Protein backbone atom coordinates (compact mmCIF):
# COMPACT_ATOMS: atom_id res chain seq x y z
CA MET A 1 103.68 86.22 89.90
CA PHE A 2 106.31 84.45 90.30
CA ILE A 3 109.74 85.68 91.59
CA LYS A 4 112.59 86.61 89.07
CA GLU A 5 115.50 84.14 89.83
CA VAL A 6 118.42 86.26 90.65
CA PRO A 7 121.72 84.63 91.50
CA GLY A 8 122.57 85.28 95.20
CA VAL A 9 119.11 86.31 96.42
CA THR A 10 118.17 84.01 99.40
CA ALA A 11 114.82 82.79 100.10
CA LYS A 12 114.23 85.94 102.65
CA GLU A 13 115.21 88.27 100.63
CA LYS A 14 112.63 87.15 98.25
CA LEU A 15 109.76 87.02 100.94
CA ILE A 16 110.23 90.27 102.47
CA GLY A 17 109.98 91.65 98.61
CA LEU A 18 106.56 89.56 98.29
CA LEU A 19 105.21 90.34 101.88
CA GLU A 20 106.50 94.16 100.92
CA GLY A 21 104.29 94.22 97.99
CA SER A 22 101.31 92.68 99.79
CA ARG A 23 101.80 94.97 102.73
CA GLY A 24 98.44 94.07 105.13
CA THR A 25 97.24 91.21 103.05
CA TYR A 26 97.87 87.65 104.16
CA ILE A 27 99.42 85.32 102.25
CA SER A 28 99.58 81.39 102.73
CA GLY A 29 102.74 79.68 103.43
CA GLU A 30 102.12 77.49 100.24
CA GLU A 31 101.60 80.09 97.90
CA LEU A 32 104.57 81.70 99.12
CA ALA A 33 106.60 78.98 98.92
CA GLU A 34 105.12 78.54 95.18
CA ARG A 35 106.15 82.02 93.99
CA ILE A 36 109.81 81.55 95.98
CA GLY A 37 110.55 78.12 94.81
CA CYS A 38 111.22 76.59 97.87
CA SER A 39 109.75 74.43 100.64
CA ARG A 40 106.95 75.72 103.30
CA ALA A 41 109.90 75.11 106.20
CA ALA A 42 112.11 77.54 104.35
CA VAL A 43 109.35 79.93 104.29
CA TRP A 44 108.66 79.80 108.18
CA LYS A 45 112.38 79.62 108.80
CA ALA A 46 112.63 83.27 106.19
CA VAL A 47 109.79 84.75 108.61
CA LYS A 48 111.30 83.70 111.67
CA GLN A 49 114.80 85.44 110.65
CA LEU A 50 112.87 88.49 109.36
CA LYS A 51 110.96 88.72 112.61
CA ALA A 52 114.23 88.40 114.72
CA GLU A 53 115.20 91.66 112.27
CA GLY A 54 112.53 93.60 113.26
CA TYR A 55 109.94 93.01 110.84
CA ALA A 56 106.60 93.31 112.10
CA ILE A 57 104.79 90.00 110.42
CA SER A 58 102.49 88.05 111.70
CA ALA A 59 101.25 84.43 111.45
CA VAL A 60 97.70 83.48 111.46
CA THR A 61 96.82 79.69 110.46
CA ASN A 62 94.65 79.03 107.43
CA LYS A 63 95.50 82.29 106.61
CA GLY A 64 99.33 82.43 106.38
CA TYR A 65 101.68 85.56 106.89
CA CYS A 66 101.21 89.31 106.58
CA LEU A 67 103.41 92.51 107.03
CA ALA A 68 101.92 94.92 109.05
CA PRO A 69 101.17 98.39 107.57
CA GLY A 70 102.90 101.08 109.16
CA THR A 71 106.54 99.01 109.23
CA ASP A 72 109.26 101.22 108.23
CA MET A 73 112.39 98.37 107.69
CA LEU A 74 114.52 98.64 104.70
CA SER A 75 114.52 96.86 101.93
CA GLU A 76 115.60 95.82 98.43
CA ALA A 77 111.67 95.46 97.40
CA ALA A 78 110.52 98.80 99.62
CA VAL A 79 113.22 101.00 97.99
CA ARG A 80 112.60 99.83 94.63
CA ARG A 81 108.96 101.25 95.10
CA TYR A 82 110.03 104.80 95.06
CA LEU A 83 112.61 104.85 92.52
CA ARG A 84 112.22 106.62 89.34
CA GLY A 85 114.14 107.49 86.09
CA ALA A 86 117.92 106.27 85.81
CA ALA A 87 117.75 105.05 89.14
CA GLY A 88 115.27 102.40 88.37
CA GLU A 89 118.14 100.48 86.74
CA TYR A 90 120.72 100.59 89.65
CA ASP A 91 121.96 97.56 91.72
CA ILE A 92 120.43 98.25 94.85
CA ARG A 93 121.64 96.13 98.13
CA VAL A 94 120.23 96.63 101.67
CA VAL A 95 122.11 95.33 104.39
CA ARG A 96 121.42 94.97 108.11
CA GLU A 97 124.76 96.35 109.53
CA VAL A 98 128.32 97.16 107.87
CA GLY A 99 131.58 98.60 108.96
CA SER A 100 131.34 101.70 106.46
CA THR A 101 128.56 101.74 103.07
CA ASN A 102 131.92 103.53 101.71
CA THR A 103 134.40 100.86 102.68
CA GLU A 104 132.32 98.08 101.12
CA LEU A 105 131.36 99.83 98.00
CA ARG A 106 135.29 100.77 97.28
CA LYS A 107 135.83 96.90 97.49
CA LEU A 108 133.20 96.04 95.30
CA ALA A 109 134.24 98.80 92.92
CA GLU A 110 138.11 97.24 92.77
CA GLN A 111 136.63 94.30 91.84
CA GLY A 112 134.40 95.73 88.69
CA ALA A 113 131.31 96.58 90.31
CA PRO A 114 129.09 98.65 87.36
CA GLU A 115 128.02 102.41 88.21
CA GLY A 116 124.82 102.36 89.82
CA THR A 117 125.79 99.75 92.38
CA CYS A 118 124.31 101.04 96.09
CA ILE A 119 124.54 99.58 99.09
CA ILE A 120 122.23 100.85 101.73
CA ALA A 121 122.41 99.76 105.35
CA MET A 122 120.46 100.13 108.70
CA SER A 123 123.45 100.92 111.21
CA GLN A 124 127.45 100.94 110.55
CA THR A 125 129.62 99.77 113.19
CA GLY A 126 132.77 102.04 111.47
CA GLY A 127 130.85 105.15 109.73
CA LYS A 128 133.06 107.78 108.72
CA GLY A 129 133.24 111.60 107.64
CA ARG A 130 135.82 114.02 106.16
CA MET A 131 139.19 113.94 107.51
CA GLY A 132 138.98 110.77 109.33
CA ARG A 133 136.14 111.91 111.53
CA ARG A 134 133.70 109.23 113.07
CA PHE A 135 130.17 109.53 111.68
CA CYS A 136 127.65 108.25 114.20
CA SER A 137 125.55 105.71 112.93
CA PRO A 138 123.07 104.27 115.24
CA ALA A 139 120.50 101.21 114.32
CA ASP A 140 116.76 101.90 112.77
CA THR A 141 116.91 105.90 113.05
CA GLY A 142 119.31 106.81 110.40
CA LEU A 143 119.80 106.12 106.29
CA TYR A 144 123.56 105.28 105.52
CA LEU A 145 124.21 105.05 101.86
CA SER A 146 126.57 104.87 99.26
CA LEU A 147 126.45 104.73 95.55
CA LEU A 148 129.03 103.98 93.34
CA LEU A 149 129.66 106.34 90.22
CA ARG A 150 131.97 105.91 86.96
CA PRO A 151 131.97 109.31 85.58
CA GLN A 152 134.33 110.62 82.57
CA MET A 153 135.49 113.72 84.35
CA SER A 154 138.98 114.89 86.13
CA ALA A 155 139.74 114.66 89.59
CA ALA A 156 139.17 118.84 90.09
CA GLU A 157 135.49 118.12 88.74
CA ALA A 158 134.61 115.72 91.73
CA VAL A 159 133.65 118.31 94.01
CA ARG A 160 130.64 118.60 91.51
CA ILE A 161 129.13 114.96 92.87
CA THR A 162 129.29 115.89 96.09
CA ALA A 163 127.37 119.22 95.73
CA ALA A 164 124.75 117.19 93.58
CA ALA A 165 124.72 114.97 96.39
CA ALA A 166 123.97 117.57 98.96
CA VAL A 167 121.24 118.99 96.56
CA ALA A 168 119.58 116.19 96.44
CA VAL A 169 119.47 115.38 100.03
CA ALA A 170 118.35 118.67 100.89
CA GLY A 171 115.30 118.32 98.33
CA ALA A 172 114.54 114.81 99.27
CA CYS A 173 114.16 115.93 103.10
CA GLU A 174 112.14 118.84 102.11
CA GLU A 175 109.68 117.37 99.79
CA LEU A 176 109.02 114.38 102.45
CA SER A 177 109.33 116.52 105.60
CA GLY A 178 108.00 119.73 104.57
CA ARG A 179 111.02 121.22 106.55
CA GLN A 180 113.47 123.73 104.92
CA THR A 181 117.24 122.82 104.59
CA GLY A 182 120.31 124.54 104.54
CA ILE A 183 123.66 123.13 102.96
CA LYS A 184 126.96 124.26 104.93
CA TRP A 185 129.88 124.28 102.09
CA VAL A 186 130.55 121.97 101.06
CA ASN A 187 129.12 118.70 102.02
CA ASP A 188 126.54 119.17 105.08
CA VAL A 189 122.86 119.14 104.86
CA CYS A 190 121.31 120.98 107.76
CA ILE A 191 117.67 122.04 108.88
CA GLY A 192 117.49 124.82 111.49
CA GLY A 193 121.23 125.20 111.38
CA ARG A 194 121.82 121.48 112.82
CA LYS A 195 123.27 118.83 111.33
CA VAL A 196 120.67 116.22 109.67
CA CYS A 197 123.23 114.65 106.73
CA GLY A 198 126.86 114.71 106.04
CA ILE A 199 128.44 113.34 102.96
CA LEU A 200 131.63 111.82 102.07
CA THR A 201 132.81 111.09 98.20
CA GLU A 202 135.78 109.08 98.13
CA ALA A 203 137.46 108.50 94.67
CA SER A 204 139.93 106.41 92.68
CA PHE A 205 142.17 108.15 89.80
CA SER A 206 143.38 106.68 86.89
CA LEU A 207 147.03 106.84 86.19
CA GLU A 208 146.55 106.70 82.47
CA ASN A 209 144.41 109.68 81.82
CA GLY A 210 144.62 111.78 85.81
CA GLY A 211 140.68 111.47 85.49
CA LEU A 212 138.63 109.20 87.80
CA ASP A 213 138.17 105.60 87.41
CA TYR A 214 135.34 105.42 89.99
CA ALA A 215 133.75 108.06 92.79
CA VAL A 216 131.91 106.16 95.61
CA VAL A 217 129.73 108.90 97.29
CA GLY A 218 128.53 108.11 100.83
CA LEU A 219 125.74 109.88 102.78
CA GLY A 220 124.68 109.41 106.37
CA VAL A 221 121.29 111.13 107.22
CA ASN A 222 119.55 111.55 110.72
CA VAL A 223 116.14 110.31 109.71
CA LEU A 224 114.78 110.01 113.42
CA GLU A 225 116.71 110.85 116.67
CA PRO A 226 117.69 107.74 118.68
CA ALA A 227 116.43 106.83 121.78
CA GLY A 228 118.03 108.77 124.45
CA GLY A 229 119.02 111.49 122.01
CA PHE A 230 122.17 112.08 120.22
CA PRO A 231 125.32 111.54 121.82
CA GLU A 232 126.82 114.40 124.02
CA SER A 233 129.55 115.19 121.71
CA ILE A 234 127.22 116.01 118.74
CA ALA A 235 124.06 116.89 120.80
CA ASP A 236 124.17 120.63 120.40
CA ILE A 237 125.13 120.26 116.32
CA ALA A 238 123.11 117.49 115.15
CA CYS A 239 119.22 116.84 114.74
CA ALA A 240 116.92 114.78 112.61
CA VAL A 241 115.02 114.92 109.77
CA PHE A 242 111.70 113.42 111.00
CA ASP A 243 109.83 113.70 114.50
CA GLU A 244 108.42 110.38 114.24
CA SER A 245 108.54 107.21 112.32
CA ARG A 246 105.66 106.41 109.30
CA GLU A 247 105.13 103.31 106.96
CA ASP A 248 108.42 103.07 104.50
CA LEU A 249 109.98 106.45 106.22
CA ARG A 250 113.60 105.42 105.41
CA SER A 251 112.84 103.39 102.11
CA ARG A 252 110.77 106.47 100.85
CA LEU A 253 113.55 108.78 101.69
CA ALA A 254 116.52 106.61 100.29
CA GLY A 255 114.51 106.02 96.89
CA GLU A 256 114.08 109.87 96.66
CA ILE A 257 117.51 110.84 97.32
CA VAL A 258 118.93 108.22 94.75
CA SER A 259 116.54 108.99 92.47
CA ARG A 260 117.34 112.94 92.46
CA LEU A 261 121.13 112.33 92.86
CA ALA A 262 120.87 110.22 89.67
CA GLU A 263 119.07 112.89 87.69
CA TYR A 264 121.82 115.60 88.83
CA TYR A 265 124.38 112.95 88.27
CA HIS A 266 123.69 113.41 84.22
CA SER A 267 123.67 117.18 84.21
CA LEU A 268 126.60 118.07 86.69
CA GLY A 269 127.38 121.29 84.66
CA SER A 270 124.05 122.38 84.64
CA PRO A 271 122.50 125.97 86.06
CA GLU A 272 119.87 124.06 87.68
CA LEU A 273 122.37 122.33 90.05
CA LEU A 274 124.18 125.26 91.03
CA GLU A 275 121.22 127.44 91.30
CA GLU A 276 119.62 124.65 93.67
CA TYR A 277 123.20 124.78 95.71
CA ARG A 278 123.21 128.20 95.92
CA LYS A 279 119.60 128.86 97.24
CA ARG A 280 120.06 126.77 100.00
CA LEU A 281 124.08 127.85 100.76
CA MET A 282 123.99 128.92 104.32
CA TRP A 283 126.27 131.90 105.84
CA VAL A 284 126.23 134.07 102.73
CA GLY A 285 127.35 137.54 103.91
CA GLY A 286 128.06 136.35 107.10
CA ARG A 287 131.51 136.22 109.09
CA ILE A 288 133.19 132.51 108.86
CA THR A 289 136.26 131.10 110.35
CA VAL A 290 137.96 128.97 107.53
CA ILE A 291 140.30 126.38 108.85
CA GLY A 292 142.86 124.06 106.62
CA GLY A 293 145.89 122.65 108.04
CA THR A 294 147.98 125.10 110.22
CA GLU A 295 146.15 127.95 108.84
CA SER A 296 142.97 129.21 110.15
CA PHE A 297 141.75 133.09 109.35
CA GLY A 298 138.37 134.84 109.58
CA CYS A 299 136.42 136.34 106.80
CA THR A 300 133.12 137.30 105.16
CA MET A 301 131.55 134.63 103.11
CA LEU A 302 130.67 135.80 99.83
CA GLY A 303 128.93 132.37 97.94
CA VAL A 304 130.38 129.90 95.62
CA ASN A 305 131.83 129.68 92.12
CA GLU A 306 130.69 128.05 89.16
CA ASP A 307 133.01 124.97 90.09
CA PHE A 308 131.25 124.98 93.76
CA SER A 309 134.78 126.88 95.14
CA LEU A 310 134.09 128.95 97.95
CA ASN A 311 134.36 132.63 97.54
CA VAL A 312 135.42 134.99 101.01
CA ARG A 313 136.84 138.40 101.57
CA LEU A 314 139.72 139.16 103.75
CA ASP A 315 139.80 141.69 106.17
CA ASP A 316 142.19 143.67 103.69
CA GLY A 317 139.35 143.92 101.41
CA SER A 318 141.30 140.96 98.82
CA VAL A 319 138.88 137.84 97.57
CA ARG A 320 140.18 134.40 97.83
CA ARG A 321 138.93 131.50 96.48
CA ILE A 322 138.92 128.68 98.74
CA SER A 323 138.61 124.94 97.14
CA SER A 324 137.12 122.15 99.19
CA GLY A 325 140.23 119.53 99.81
CA GLU A 326 140.72 118.97 103.82
CA ILE A 327 139.37 123.13 104.62
CA SER A 328 136.56 123.31 106.36
CA ILE A 329 134.39 126.24 108.02
CA ARG A 330 132.47 127.34 110.71
CA LYS A 331 129.97 130.42 111.47
CA GLN A 332 131.95 132.94 113.72
CA GLU A 333 129.66 134.09 116.72
CA GLN A 334 128.49 137.67 117.36
CA GLY A 335 131.60 139.23 119.10
CA GLU A 336 134.06 136.30 118.43
CA VAL A 337 137.63 137.62 117.70
CA ASP A 338 139.75 136.08 115.04
CA LYS A 339 142.68 133.53 115.80
């Protein structure tokens, strides 16, 4: 089978696609060159580049090249093997390093990139979270992904996309790790009460109709713990989904997340999405502190409404509805006094 000619796809990208599809089997340099449509020297050069990036490729005279089984390296070909449904038509782009997947994808969105364009990075140098916070994005142990959507909805409904992403990540992590997840309203996924994923949805609004022009939903998952552990600033609040690496771990997780998100995206108002979100919602019935701007107050968390706004009971017995925006919450520890 020859590689389909796709504009902008390099010999290196075609090569890793072939090796991924024949993992553990040697393919001669001559055959690879013929199937890719390049010279054997170009194949050798591409193999050299891939090995420098960390791919475990062995080369044996008279046998050719082979990608070792057990390798966990992100690639478009590997991710595509785990896509299903509508996600199978998405434009998947895997890069080794980027400043921020959200920033890069927003640039493409402004240039007219279609819905379903997805950037996946092995590391970020400028990862970002809500409220301008920096998101720790170490190389080779995390999954950093942004997906472009062009929904027909109002700005007020955009929180549904974030909720869908949270449920997609939670479900994918449970499916592949067997560990129970929880969702910290509105956009964090946790395991054992510690954060494994943060989600940031950024949108552009149409001045003509007040709706969304596009939305970029970005997420960062702590797939494995970095060598030396997490930075001291987050060591007490972060953890990894998996204890050890395995073959195609991040590619499989990426494919599962994107597939689930694509399914939920086409049914954002469904009772199923709300049910899946509610059953994982953390701290329901417990004391929390709501923090927003200059305001901070203690209350009891009651749950989420159909629009994913938060219901809380104030100490005077009244119930207040909290929208996401620039609001955050944290759990109150036993004996903590409201400020």
